[in-house]
Amino acid sequence: MAEPDEHDIGDDEKAVLDERMVDLLVCPLTKQALTYDEAAHEFISKAAKLAYPVRGGVPILLPSEARSLETEGGPTSKKIS
């Protein structure tokens, strides 16, 4: 069996985030602290009502990649443009 390439990230693989880095991250829009939702693998900005994804252990802090948390039924997968 071939060894997996270091750049291949499986759906089930969970990358570990450096706690020091997590403590430094802020929302790019509000500049307020983010909270990490480990189950959903995303950073939550309560002030901006956005959820930023984490892909391959890298937080994607782009508003265009975030999903809105402002819908009646809770979180949605709609991206903000």
PDB file of N, CA and C in Angstrom:
ATOM      1  N   MET A   1       0.846  -1.180   0.000  1.00  0.00           N
ATOM      2  CA  MET A   1       0.000   0.000   0.000  1.00  0.00           C
ATOM      3  C   MET A   1       0.889   1.240   0.000  1.00  0.00           C
ATOM      4  N   ALA A   2       0.584   2.188  -0.875  1.00  0.00           N
ATOM      5  CA  ALA A   2       1.379   3.403  -0.999  1.00  0.00           C
ATOM      6  C   ALA A   2       1.110   4.325   0.175  1.00  0.00           C
ATOM      7  N   GLU A   3       2.144   5.063   0.573  1.00  0.00           N
ATOM      8  CA  GLU A   3       1.982   6.030   1.648  1.00  0.00           C
ATOM      9  C   GLU A   3       1.234   7.241   1.119  1.00  0.00           C
ATOM     10  N   PRO A   4       0.364   7.826   1.943  1.00  0.00           N
ATOM     11  CA  PRO A   4      -0.370   9.000   1.479  1.00  0.00           C
ATOM     12  C   PRO A   4       0.564  10.188   1.285  1.00  0.00           C
ATOM     13  N   ASP A   5       0.264  10.977   0.278  1.00  0.00           N
ATOM     14  CA  ASP A   5       1.027  12.186   0.013  1.00  0.00           C
ATOM     15  C   ASP A   5       0.756  13.167   1.147  1.00  0.00           C
ATOM     16  N   GLU A   6       1.770  13.928   1.555  1.00  0.00           N
ATOM     17  CA  GLU A   6       1.601  14.847   2.674  1.00  0.00           C
ATOM     18  C   GLU A   6       0.591  15.946   2.386  1.00  0.00           C
ATOM     19  N   HIS A   7       0.267  16.175   1.105  1.00  0.00           N
ATOM     20  CA  HIS A   7      -0.696  17.204   0.742  1.00  0.00           C
ATOM     21  C   HIS A   7      -2.109  16.664   0.637  1.00  0.00           C
ATOM     22  N   ASP A   8      -2.291  15.351   0.673  1.00  0.00           N
ATOM     23  CA  ASP A   8      -3.617  14.767   0.598  1.00  0.00           C
ATOM     24  C   ASP A   8      -4.260  14.812   1.981  1.00  0.00           C
ATOM     25  N   ILE A   9      -5.389  15.472   2.065  1.00  0.00           N
ATOM     26  CA  ILE A   9      -6.128  15.553   3.318  1.00  0.00           C
ATOM     27  C   ILE A   9      -7.448  14.830   3.108  1.00  0.00           C
ATOM     28  N   GLY A  10      -7.650  13.728   3.818  1.00  0.00           N
ATOM     29  CA  GLY A  10      -8.893  12.982   3.710  1.00  0.00           C
ATOM     30  C   GLY A  10     -10.013  13.674   4.454  1.00  0.00           C
ATOM     31  N   ASP A  11     -11.256  13.341   4.103  1.00  0.00           N
ATOM     32  CA  ASP A  11     -12.405  13.938   4.767  1.00  0.00           C
ATOM     33  C   ASP A  11     -12.424  13.613   6.255  1.00  0.00           C
ATOM     34  N   ASP A  12     -11.945  12.439   6.616  1.00  0.00           N
ATOM     35  CA  ASP A  12     -11.980  12.013   8.014  1.00  0.00           C
ATOM     36  C   ASP A  12     -10.792  12.522   8.809  1.00  0.00           C
ATOM     37  N   GLU A  13      -9.756  13.001   8.126  1.00  0.00           N
ATOM     38  CA  GLU A  13      -8.555  13.448   8.822  1.00  0.00           C
ATOM     39  C   GLU A  13      -8.801  14.806   9.450  1.00  0.00           C
ATOM     40  N   LYS A  14      -8.426  14.941  10.720  1.00  0.00           N
ATOM     41  CA  LYS A  14      -8.597  16.197  11.423  1.00  0.00           C
ATOM     42  C   LYS A  14      -7.221  16.756  11.748  1.00  0.00           C
ATOM     43  N   ALA A  15      -6.896  17.893  11.181  1.00  0.00           N
ATOM     44  CA  ALA A  15      -5.618  18.525  11.443  1.00  0.00           C
ATOM     45  C   ALA A  15      -5.672  19.199  12.809  1.00  0.00           C
ATOM     46  N   VAL A  16      -4.563  19.169  13.503  1.00  0.00           N
ATOM     47  CA  VAL A  16      -4.476  19.765  14.823  1.00  0.00           C
ATOM     48  C   VAL A  16      -4.048  21.223  14.667  1.00  0.00           C
ATOM     49  N   LEU A  17      -4.781  22.100  15.317  1.00  0.00           N
ATOM     50  CA  LEU A  17      -4.457  23.515  15.272  1.00  0.00           C
ATOM     51  C   LEU A  17      -3.608  23.878  16.479  1.00  0.00           C
ATOM     52  N   ASP A  18      -2.606  24.701  16.260  1.00  0.00           N
ATOM     53  CA  ASP A  18      -1.737  25.179  17.325  1.00  0.00           C
ATOM     54  C   ASP A  18      -2.547  26.130  18.219  1.00  0.00           C
ATOM     55  N   GLU A  19      -2.624  25.816  19.498  1.00  0.00           N
ATOM     56  CA  GLU A  19      -3.426  26.622  20.423  1.00  0.00           C
ATOM     57  C   GLU A  19      -2.954  28.067  20.488  1.00  0.00           C
ATOM     58  N   ARG A  20      -1.652  28.287  20.365  1.00  0.00           N
ATOM     59  CA  ARG A  20      -1.134  29.662  20.395  1.00  0.00           C
ATOM     60  C   ARG A  20      -1.646  30.442  19.197  1.00  0.00           C
ATOM     61  N   MET A  21      -1.705  29.783  18.034  1.00  0.00           N
ATOM     62  CA  MET A  21      -2.202  30.437  16.840  1.00  0.00           C
ATOM     63  C   MET A  21      -3.685  30.764  17.004  1.00  0.00           C
ATOM     64  N   VAL A  22      -4.438  29.817  17.523  1.00  0.00           N
ATOM     65  CA  VAL A  22      -5.881  30.004  17.719  1.00  0.00           C
ATOM     66  C   VAL A  22      -6.141  31.214  18.601  1.00  0.00           C
ATOM     67  N   ASP A  23      -5.335  31.398  19.640  1.00  0.00           N
ATOM     68  CA  ASP A  23      -5.514  32.532  20.552  1.00  0.00           C
ATOM     69  C   ASP A  23      -5.252  33.872  19.876  1.00  0.00           C
ATOM     70  N   LEU A  24      -4.480  33.882  18.796  1.00  0.00           N
ATOM     71  CA  LEU A  24      -4.138  35.123  18.099  1.00  0.00           C
ATOM     72  C   LEU A  24      -5.122  35.503  17.003  1.00  0.00           C
ATOM     73  N   LEU A  25      -5.933  34.568  16.566  1.00  0.00           N
ATOM     74  CA  LEU A  25      -6.830  34.825  15.444  1.00  0.00           C
ATOM     75  C   LEU A  25      -7.979  35.749  15.826  1.00  0.00           C
ATOM     76  N   VAL A  26      -8.285  36.664  14.911  1.00  0.00           N
ATOM     77  CA  VAL A  26      -9.426  37.567  15.085  1.00  0.00           C
ATOM     78  C   VAL A  26     -10.208  37.594  13.782  1.00  0.00           C
ATOM     79  N   CYS A  27     -11.455  38.019  13.865  1.00  0.00           N
ATOM     80  CA  CYS A  27     -12.292  38.164  12.688  1.00  0.00           C
ATOM     81  C   CYS A  27     -11.714  39.279  11.814  1.00  0.00           C
ATOM     82  N   PRO A  28     -11.538  39.045  10.519  1.00  0.00           N
ATOM     83  CA  PRO A  28     -10.989  40.085   9.655  1.00  0.00           C
ATOM     84  C   PRO A  28     -11.924  41.292   9.482  1.00  0.00           C
ATOM     85  N   LEU A  29     -13.200  41.118   9.761  1.00  0.00           N
ATOM     86  CA  LEU A  29     -14.150  42.228   9.628  1.00  0.00           C
ATOM     87  C   LEU A  29     -14.287  43.046  10.907  1.00  0.00           C
ATOM     88  N   THR A  30     -14.423  42.359  12.040  1.00  0.00           N
ATOM     89  CA  THR A  30     -14.691  43.049  13.304  1.00  0.00           C
ATOM     90  C   THR A  30     -13.459  43.207  14.185  1.00  0.00           C
ATOM     91  N   LYS A  31     -12.420  42.449  13.899  1.00  0.00           N
ATOM     92  CA  LYS A  31     -11.176  42.433  14.690  1.00  0.00           C
ATOM     93  C   LYS A  31     -11.403  41.918  16.112  1.00  0.00           C
ATOM     94  N   GLN A  32     -12.515  41.198  16.317  1.00  0.00           N
ATOM     95  CA  GLN A  32     -12.800  40.605  17.621  1.00  0.00           C
ATOM     96  C   GLN A  32     -12.388  39.138  17.618  1.00  0.00           C
ATOM     97  N   ALA A  33     -12.208  38.596  18.813  1.00  0.00           N
ATOM     98  CA  ALA A  33     -11.763  37.212  18.966  1.00  0.00           C
ATOM     99  C   ALA A  33     -12.748  36.235  18.324  1.00  0.00           C
ATOM    100  N   LEU A  34     -12.189  35.129  17.840  1.00  0.00           N
ATOM    101  CA  LEU A  34     -12.989  34.054  17.249  1.00  0.00           C
ATOM    102  C   LEU A  34     -13.048  32.891  18.235  1.00  0.00           C
ATOM    103  N   THR A  35     -14.112  32.110  18.159  1.00  0.00           N
ATOM    104  CA  THR A  35     -14.199  30.882  18.940  1.00  0.00           C
ATOM    105  C   THR A  35     -14.138  29.714  17.964  1.00  0.00           C
ATOM    106  N   TYR A  36     -13.482  28.640  18.377  1.00  0.00           N
ATOM    107  CA  TYR A  36     -13.317  27.484  17.501  1.00  0.00           C
ATOM    108  C   TYR A  36     -14.370  26.438  17.808  1.00  0.00           C
ATOM    109  N   ASP A  37     -15.106  26.036  16.782  1.00  0.00           N
ATOM    110  CA  ASP A  37     -16.094  24.963  16.896  1.00  0.00           C
ATOM    111  C   ASP A  37     -15.414  23.702  16.373  1.00  0.00           C
ATOM    112  N   GLU A  38     -14.935  22.870  17.290  1.00  0.00           N
ATOM    113  CA  GLU A  38     -14.169  21.679  16.920  1.00  0.00           C
ATOM    114  C   GLU A  38     -15.003  20.679  16.124  1.00  0.00           C
ATOM    115  N   ALA A  39     -16.262  20.535  16.474  1.00  0.00           N
ATOM    116  CA  ALA A  39     -17.117  19.570  15.783  1.00  0.00           C
ATOM    117  C   ALA A  39     -17.347  19.958  14.321  1.00  0.00           C
ATOM    118  N   ALA A  40     -17.493  21.252  14.056  1.00  0.00           N
ATOM    119  CA  ALA A  40     -17.760  21.721  12.699  1.00  0.00           C
ATOM    120  C   ALA A  40     -16.493  22.127  11.958  1.00  0.00           C
ATOM    121  N   HIS A  41     -15.360  22.147  12.646  1.00  0.00           N
ATOM    122  CA  HIS A  41     -14.081  22.588  12.059  1.00  0.00           C
ATOM    123  C   HIS A  41     -14.201  23.972  11.444  1.00  0.00           C
ATOM    124  N   GLU A  42     -14.618  24.929  12.284  1.00  0.00           N
ATOM    125  CA  GLU A  42     -14.730  26.294  11.805  1.00  0.00           C
ATOM    126  C   GLU A  42     -14.576  27.269  12.964  1.00  0.00           C
ATOM    127  N   PHE A  43     -14.184  28.487  12.618  1.00  0.00           N
ATOM    128  CA  PHE A  43     -14.064  29.556  13.595  1.00  0.00           C
ATOM    129  C   PHE A  43     -15.309  30.425  13.502  1.00  0.00           C
ATOM    130  N   ILE A  44     -15.863  30.764  14.651  1.00  0.00           N
ATOM    131  CA  ILE A  44     -17.098  31.529  14.726  1.00  0.00           C
ATOM    132  C   ILE A  44     -16.800  32.955  15.153  1.00  0.00           C
ATOM    133  N   SER A  45     -17.329  33.903  14.374  1.00  0.00           N
ATOM    134  CA  SER A  45     -17.293  35.312  14.746  1.00  0.00           C
ATOM    135  C   SER A  45     -18.712  35.677  15.172  1.00  0.00           C
ATOM    136  N   LYS A  46     -18.913  35.806  16.477  1.00  0.00           N
ATOM    137  CA  LYS A  46     -20.241  36.141  16.985  1.00  0.00           C
ATOM    138  C   LYS A  46     -20.636  37.551  16.577  1.00  0.00           C
ATOM    139  N   ALA A  47     -19.680  38.464  16.542  1.00  0.00           N
ATOM    140  CA  ALA A  47     -19.957  39.855  16.188  1.00  0.00           C
ATOM    141  C   ALA A  47     -20.390  39.987  14.726  1.00  0.00           C
ATOM    142  N   ALA A  48     -19.711  39.278  13.826  1.00  0.00           N
ATOM    143  CA  ALA A  48     -20.037  39.354  12.399  1.00  0.00           C
ATOM    144  C   ALA A  48     -21.090  38.325  11.991  1.00  0.00           C
ATOM    145  N   LYS A  49     -21.395  37.400  12.899  1.00  0.00           N
ATOM    146  CA  LYS A  49     -22.342  36.309  12.624  1.00  0.00           C
ATOM    147  C   LYS A  49     -21.907  35.493  11.405  1.00  0.00           C
ATOM    148  N   LEU A  50     -20.598  35.133  11.411  1.00  0.00           N
ATOM    149  CA  LEU A  50     -20.009  34.346  10.335  1.00  0.00           C
ATOM    150  C   LEU A  50     -19.257  33.161  10.897  1.00  0.00           C
ATOM    151  N   ALA A  51     -19.169  32.105  10.098  1.00  0.00           N
ATOM    152  CA  ALA A  51     -18.391  30.921  10.446  1.00  0.00           C
ATOM    153  C   ALA A  51     -17.334  30.735   9.358  1.00  0.00           C
ATOM    154  N   TYR A  52     -16.058  30.791   9.756  1.00  0.00           N
ATOM    155  CA  TYR A  52     -14.942  30.642   8.831  1.00  0.00           C
ATOM    156  C   TYR A  52     -14.467  29.188   8.846  1.00  0.00           C
ATOM    157  N   PRO A  53     -14.320  28.561   7.682  1.00  0.00           N
ATOM    158  CA  PRO A  53     -13.923  27.154   7.637  1.00  0.00           C
ATOM    159  C   PRO A  53     -12.441  26.946   7.934  1.00  0.00           C
ATOM    160  N   VAL A  54     -12.113  25.711   8.307  1.00  0.00           N
ATOM    161  CA  VAL A  54     -10.723  25.282   8.465  1.00  0.00           C
ATOM    162  C   VAL A  54     -10.520  24.159   7.474  1.00  0.00           C
ATOM    163  N   ARG A  55      -9.550  24.307   6.588  1.00  0.00           N
ATOM    164  CA  ARG A  55      -9.271  23.294   5.571  1.00  0.00           C
ATOM    165  C   ARG A  55      -7.829  22.854   5.681  1.00  0.00           C
ATOM    166  N   GLY A  56      -7.624  21.566   5.894  1.00  0.00           N
ATOM    167  CA  GLY A  56      -6.272  21.035   6.005  1.00  0.00           C
ATOM    168  C   GLY A  56      -5.487  21.640   7.149  1.00  0.00           C
ATOM    169  N   GLY A  57      -6.195  22.038   8.203  1.00  0.00           N
ATOM    170  CA  GLY A  57      -5.539  22.631   9.359  1.00  0.00           C
ATOM    171  C   GLY A  57      -5.273  24.117   9.214  1.00  0.00           C
ATOM    172  N   VAL A  58      -5.754  24.726   8.118  1.00  0.00           N
ATOM    173  CA  VAL A  58      -5.520  26.151   7.868  1.00  0.00           C
ATOM    174  C   VAL A  58      -6.844  26.903   7.956  1.00  0.00           C
ATOM    175  N   PRO A  59      -6.947  27.870   8.877  1.00  0.00           N
ATOM    176  CA  PRO A  59      -8.159  28.680   8.951  1.00  0.00           C
ATOM    177  C   PRO A  59      -8.273  29.559   7.703  1.00  0.00           C
ATOM    178  N   ILE A  60      -9.428  29.536   7.064  1.00  0.00           N
ATOM    179  CA  ILE A  60      -9.676  30.351   5.879  1.00  0.00           C
ATOM    180  C   ILE A  60     -10.476  31.573   6.336  1.00  0.00           C
ATOM    181  N   LEU A  61      -9.777  32.649   6.657  1.00  0.00           N
ATOM    182  CA  LEU A  61     -10.409  33.837   7.221  1.00  0.00           C
ATOM    183  C   LEU A  61     -10.738  34.861   6.133  1.00  0.00           C
ATOM    184  N   LEU A  62     -11.460  34.404   5.150  1.00  0.00           N
ATOM    185  CA  LEU A  62     -11.920  35.267   4.067  1.00  0.00           C
ATOM    186  C   LEU A  62     -13.435  35.386   4.160  1.00  0.00           C
ATOM    187  N   PRO A  63     -13.958  36.600   4.239  1.00  0.00           N
ATOM    188  CA  PRO A  63     -15.411  36.748   4.308  1.00  0.00           C
ATOM    189  C   PRO A  63     -16.130  36.062   3.147  1.00  0.00           C
ATOM    190  N   SER A  64     -15.514  36.005   1.986  1.00  0.00           N
ATOM    191  CA  SER A  64     -16.142  35.361   0.835  1.00  0.00           C
ATOM    192  C   SER A  64     -16.243  33.844   0.998  1.00  0.00           C
ATOM    193  N   GLU A  65     -15.474  33.255   1.901  1.00  0.00           N
ATOM    194  CA  GLU A  65     -15.504  31.814   2.159  1.00  0.00           C
ATOM    195  C   GLU A  65     -16.329  31.472   3.396  1.00  0.00           C
ATOM    196  N   ALA A  66     -16.711  32.483   4.163  1.00  0.00           N
ATOM    197  CA  ALA A  66     -17.466  32.257   5.403  1.00  0.00           C
ATOM    198  C   ALA A  66     -18.927  31.986   5.098  1.00  0.00           C
ATOM    199  N   ARG A  67     -19.568  31.308   6.034  1.00  0.00           N
ATOM    200  CA  ARG A  67     -21.008  31.093   5.896  1.00  0.00           C
ATOM    201  C   ARG A  67     -21.720  31.939   6.944  1.00  0.00           C
ATOM    202  N   SER A  68     -22.888  32.410   6.580  1.00  0.00           N
ATOM    203  CA  SER A  68     -23.660  33.274   7.452  1.00  0.00           C
ATOM    204  C   SER A  68     -24.318  32.466   8.562  1.00  0.00           C
ATOM    205  N   LEU A  69     -24.374  33.064   9.736  1.00  0.00           N
ATOM    206  CA  LEU A  69     -25.072  32.452  10.866  1.00  0.00           C
ATOM    207  C   LEU A  69     -26.383  33.180  11.151  1.00  0.00           C
ATOM    208  N   GLU A  70     -26.818  34.037  10.229  1.00  0.00           N
ATOM    209  CA  GLU A  70     -27.982  34.893  10.462  1.00  0.00           C
ATOM    210  C   GLU A  70     -29.289  34.386   9.892  1.00  0.00           C
ATOM    211  N   THR A  71     -29.473  33.122   9.679  1.00  0.00           N
ATOM    212  CA  THR A  71     -30.749  32.651   9.160  1.00  0.00           C
ATOM    213  C   THR A  71     -31.626  32.178  10.304  1.00  0.00           C
ATOM    214  N   GLU A  72     -32.929  32.172  10.082  1.00  0.00           N
ATOM    215  CA  GLU A  72     -33.880  31.806  11.134  1.00  0.00           C
ATOM    216  C   GLU A  72     -33.648  30.420  11.706  1.00  0.00           C
ATOM    217  N   GLY A  73     -33.356  29.445  10.847  1.00  0.00           N
ATOM    218  CA  GLY A  73     -33.196  28.070  11.283  1.00  0.00           C
ATOM    219  C   GLY A  73     -31.823  27.730  11.802  1.00  0.00           C
ATOM    220  N   GLY A  74     -30.958  28.713  11.966  1.00  0.00           N
ATOM    221  CA  GLY A  74     -29.609  28.453  12.445  1.00  0.00           C
ATOM    222  C   GLY A  74     -28.613  28.601  11.317  1.00  0.00           C
ATOM    223  N   PRO A  75     -27.446  27.945  11.448  1.00  0.00           N
ATOM    224  CA  PRO A  75     -26.393  28.084  10.442  1.00  0.00           C
ATOM    225  C   PRO A  75     -26.841  27.607   9.060  1.00  0.00           C
ATOM    226  N   THR A  76     -26.281  28.220   8.063  1.00  0.00           N
ATOM    227  CA  THR A  76     -26.576  27.859   6.690  1.00  0.00           C
ATOM    228  C   THR A  76     -25.262  27.723   5.929  1.00  0.00           C
ATOM    229  N   SER A  77     -25.288  27.069   4.793  1.00  0.00           N
ATOM    230  CA  SER A  77     -24.077  26.901   4.010  1.00  0.00           C
ATOM    231  C   SER A  77     -23.908  28.011   2.983  1.00  0.00           C
ATOM    232  N   LYS A  78     -24.753  29.025   3.025  1.00  0.00           N
ATOM    233  CA  LYS A  78     -24.672  30.126   2.072  1.00  0.00           C
ATOM    234  C   LYS A  78     -23.398  30.941   2.313  1.00  0.00           C
ATOM    235  N   LYS A  79     -22.662  31.190   1.235  1.00  0.00           N
ATOM    236  CA  LYS A  79     -21.446  31.991   1.342  1.00  0.00           C
ATOM    237  C   LYS A  79     -21.771  33.474   1.221  1.00  0.00           C
ATOM    238  N   ILE A  80     -20.977  34.272   1.885  1.00  0.00           N
ATOM    239  CA  ILE A  80     -21.116  35.717   1.835  1.00  0.00           C
ATOM    240  C   ILE A  80     -20.239  36.234   0.708  1.00  0.00           C
ATOM    241  N   SER A  81     -20.764  37.132  -0.121  1.00  0.00           N
ATOM    242  CA  SER A  81     -19.918  37.674  -1.200  1.00  0.00           C
ATOM    243  C   SER A  81     -19.517  39.099  -0.936  1.00  0.00           C
TER     244      SER A  81
END
